[in-house]
Amino acid sequence: MPDKKWRKVHMYKCPCGYGYEPEKGDQEAGWKPGTPFDTLPDALTCPKCQRAKVHFREKNFSVPEN
């Protein structure tokens, strides 16, 4: 069995489950790929549930590559 390759994920997660990955951005919200979370406006709200930016938590983990 070949070794699996893993991809590191750096994400900011809202309690509702929405996750923002700076590497991918969020085109629907108007955030381009590569946009650091810290540079997003302080008045930002979750595009899914409208919670404030202060409720997001930083998460780092790995997932198998496709």
N, C-alpha and C. Protein backbone atom coordinates (compact mmCIF):
# COMPACT_ATOMS: atom_id res chain seq x y z
N MET A 1 0.85 -1.17 0.00
CA MET A 1 0.00 0.00 0.00
C MET A 1 0.90 1.24 0.00
N PRO A 2 0.68 2.15 -0.97
CA PRO A 2 1.52 3.36 -1.03
C PRO A 2 1.22 4.30 0.14
N ASP A 3 2.24 5.07 0.51
CA ASP A 3 2.05 6.07 1.55
C ASP A 3 1.12 7.17 1.05
N LYS A 4 0.20 7.60 1.92
CA LYS A 4 -0.68 8.70 1.56
C LYS A 4 0.08 10.02 1.64
N LYS A 5 -0.28 10.93 0.76
CA LYS A 5 0.27 12.27 0.82
C LYS A 5 -0.74 13.14 1.55
N TRP A 6 -0.23 14.02 2.38
CA TRP A 6 -1.08 14.87 3.20
C TRP A 6 -0.89 16.33 2.82
N ARG A 7 -1.97 17.08 2.94
CA ARG A 7 -1.95 18.51 2.68
C ARG A 7 -2.24 19.23 3.99
N LYS A 8 -1.38 20.20 4.33
CA LYS A 8 -1.60 21.00 5.54
C LYS A 8 -2.69 22.02 5.26
N VAL A 9 -3.58 22.18 6.22
CA VAL A 9 -4.68 23.13 6.10
C VAL A 9 -4.57 24.16 7.22
N HIS A 10 -4.63 25.41 6.84
CA HIS A 10 -4.66 26.53 7.79
C HIS A 10 -6.00 27.20 7.58
N MET A 11 -6.84 27.17 8.60
CA MET A 11 -8.22 27.62 8.44
C MET A 11 -8.65 28.45 9.64
N TYR A 12 -9.61 29.32 9.40
CA TYR A 12 -10.26 30.08 10.47
C TYR A 12 -11.72 29.63 10.45
N LYS A 13 -12.16 29.05 11.55
CA LYS A 13 -13.46 28.39 11.60
C LYS A 13 -14.45 29.17 12.48
N CYS A 14 -15.64 29.37 11.94
CA CYS A 14 -16.75 29.98 12.66
C CYS A 14 -17.46 28.88 13.44
N PRO A 15 -18.08 29.17 14.58
CA PRO A 15 -18.82 28.15 15.32
C PRO A 15 -19.93 27.46 14.50
N CYS A 16 -20.43 28.13 13.46
CA CYS A 16 -21.49 27.53 12.64
C CYS A 16 -20.97 26.45 11.70
N GLY A 17 -19.64 26.36 11.57
CA GLY A 17 -19.07 25.35 10.68
C GLY A 17 -18.40 25.93 9.44
N TYR A 18 -18.68 27.18 9.11
CA TYR A 18 -18.03 27.81 7.97
C TYR A 18 -16.53 27.93 8.24
N GLY A 19 -15.72 27.63 7.24
CA GLY A 19 -14.28 27.75 7.39
C GLY A 19 -13.67 28.61 6.29
N TYR A 20 -12.79 29.51 6.67
CA TYR A 20 -12.08 30.35 5.71
C TYR A 20 -10.63 29.89 5.64
N GLU A 21 -10.20 29.48 4.45
CA GLU A 21 -8.81 29.10 4.21
C GLU A 21 -8.17 30.24 3.42
N PRO A 22 -7.22 30.96 4.04
CA PRO A 22 -6.57 32.07 3.32
C PRO A 22 -5.99 31.64 1.97
N GLU A 23 -5.48 30.43 1.89
CA GLU A 23 -4.89 29.94 0.64
C GLU A 23 -5.91 29.91 -0.49
N LYS A 24 -7.16 29.58 -0.16
CA LYS A 24 -8.22 29.46 -1.17
C LYS A 24 -9.05 30.74 -1.32
N GLY A 25 -9.12 31.54 -0.23
CA GLY A 25 -9.98 32.71 -0.26
C GLY A 25 -11.45 32.29 -0.26
N ASP A 26 -12.32 33.20 -0.60
CA ASP A 26 -13.76 32.92 -0.72
C ASP A 26 -14.30 33.87 -1.78
N GLN A 27 -14.42 33.36 -2.99
CA GLN A 27 -14.85 34.19 -4.12
C GLN A 27 -16.24 34.79 -3.90
N GLU A 28 -17.15 34.00 -3.32
CA GLU A 28 -18.51 34.49 -3.10
C GLU A 28 -18.54 35.67 -2.13
N ALA A 29 -17.65 35.65 -1.14
CA ALA A 29 -17.59 36.74 -0.17
C ALA A 29 -16.71 37.89 -0.67
N GLY A 30 -16.00 37.67 -1.79
CA GLY A 30 -15.15 38.71 -2.36
C GLY A 30 -13.73 38.72 -1.82
N TRP A 31 -13.30 37.61 -1.20
CA TRP A 31 -11.96 37.51 -0.63
C TRP A 31 -11.10 36.66 -1.57
N LYS A 32 -10.10 37.28 -2.17
CA LYS A 32 -9.25 36.60 -3.15
C LYS A 32 -8.34 35.56 -2.48
N PRO A 33 -7.96 34.51 -3.23
CA PRO A 33 -7.00 33.54 -2.70
C PRO A 33 -5.72 34.24 -2.25
N GLY A 34 -5.20 33.80 -1.12
CA GLY A 34 -3.98 34.40 -0.58
C GLY A 34 -4.24 35.57 0.36
N THR A 35 -5.52 35.91 0.60
CA THR A 35 -5.85 37.02 1.50
C THR A 35 -5.76 36.54 2.94
N PRO A 36 -4.80 37.05 3.72
CA PRO A 36 -4.68 36.65 5.12
C PRO A 36 -5.92 37.06 5.93
N PHE A 37 -6.31 36.21 6.85
CA PHE A 37 -7.48 36.49 7.69
C PHE A 37 -7.33 37.80 8.45
N ASP A 38 -6.12 38.06 8.94
CA ASP A 38 -5.87 39.27 9.72
C ASP A 38 -6.08 40.55 8.92
N THR A 39 -6.02 40.48 7.59
CA THR A 39 -6.20 41.68 6.77
C THR A 39 -7.66 41.91 6.40
N LEU A 40 -8.53 40.94 6.70
CA LEU A 40 -9.95 41.13 6.43
C LEU A 40 -10.49 42.16 7.42
N PRO A 41 -11.49 42.94 7.05
CA PRO A 41 -11.99 44.00 7.93
C PRO A 41 -12.45 43.48 9.29
N ASP A 42 -12.23 44.27 10.33
CA ASP A 42 -12.68 43.89 11.67
C ASP A 42 -14.20 43.79 11.74
N ALA A 43 -14.89 44.49 10.87
CA ALA A 43 -16.36 44.46 10.84
C ALA A 43 -16.89 43.24 10.06
N LEU A 44 -15.98 42.38 9.61
CA LEU A 44 -16.36 41.18 8.86
C LEU A 44 -17.35 40.34 9.64
N THR A 45 -18.30 39.76 8.94
CA THR A 45 -19.20 38.78 9.55
C THR A 45 -19.16 37.51 8.71
N CYS A 46 -19.48 36.40 9.33
CA CYS A 46 -19.50 35.11 8.65
C CYS A 46 -20.52 35.17 7.51
N PRO A 47 -20.13 34.74 6.30
CA PRO A 47 -21.07 34.78 5.18
C PRO A 47 -22.23 33.79 5.35
N LYS A 48 -22.06 32.83 6.25
CA LYS A 48 -23.10 31.81 6.44
C LYS A 48 -24.09 32.19 7.55
N CYS A 49 -23.58 32.68 8.71
CA CYS A 49 -24.46 32.92 9.86
C CYS A 49 -24.41 34.35 10.39
N GLN A 50 -23.54 35.19 9.85
CA GLN A 50 -23.41 36.60 10.21
C GLN A 50 -22.77 36.84 11.58
N ARG A 51 -22.11 35.84 12.18
CA ARG A 51 -21.38 36.09 13.43
C ARG A 51 -20.18 36.98 13.14
N ALA A 52 -19.76 37.73 14.16
CA ALA A 52 -18.63 38.65 14.02
C ALA A 52 -17.31 37.89 13.88
N LYS A 53 -16.33 38.56 13.29
CA LYS A 53 -14.99 38.00 13.06
C LYS A 53 -14.35 37.47 14.35
N VAL A 54 -14.63 38.10 15.48
CA VAL A 54 -14.02 37.68 16.76
C VAL A 54 -14.41 36.27 17.17
N HIS A 55 -15.45 35.71 16.57
CA HIS A 55 -15.90 34.36 16.92
C HIS A 55 -15.15 33.27 16.15
N PHE A 56 -14.40 33.64 15.11
CA PHE A 56 -13.64 32.67 14.34
C PHE A 56 -12.44 32.20 15.16
N ARG A 57 -12.08 30.92 15.01
CA ARG A 57 -10.92 30.35 15.70
C ARG A 57 -9.98 29.74 14.67
N GLU A 58 -8.69 29.94 14.90
CA GLU A 58 -7.67 29.43 14.00
C GLU A 58 -7.51 27.93 14.21
N LYS A 59 -7.45 27.19 13.11
CA LYS A 59 -7.27 25.73 13.14
C LYS A 59 -6.17 25.35 12.16
N ASN A 60 -5.34 24.42 12.56
CA ASN A 60 -4.30 23.86 11.69
C ASN A 60 -4.40 22.34 11.77
N PHE A 61 -4.49 21.71 10.61
CA PHE A 61 -4.59 20.26 10.57
C PHE A 61 -4.15 19.76 9.19
N SER A 62 -4.10 18.46 9.01
CA SER A 62 -3.72 17.87 7.74
C SER A 62 -4.85 16.97 7.23
N VAL A 63 -5.00 16.94 5.90
CA VAL A 63 -5.99 16.09 5.26
C VAL A 63 -5.30 15.34 4.12
N PRO A 64 -5.80 14.15 3.79
CA PRO A 64 -5.22 13.42 2.65
C PRO A 64 -5.43 14.19 1.36
N GLU A 65 -4.44 14.19 0.50
CA GLU A 65 -4.59 14.80 -0.82
C GLU A 65 -5.43 13.88 -1.68
N ASN A 66 -6.17 14.47 -2.59
CA ASN A 66 -7.00 13.67 -3.51
C ASN A 66 -6.17 13.01 -4.57
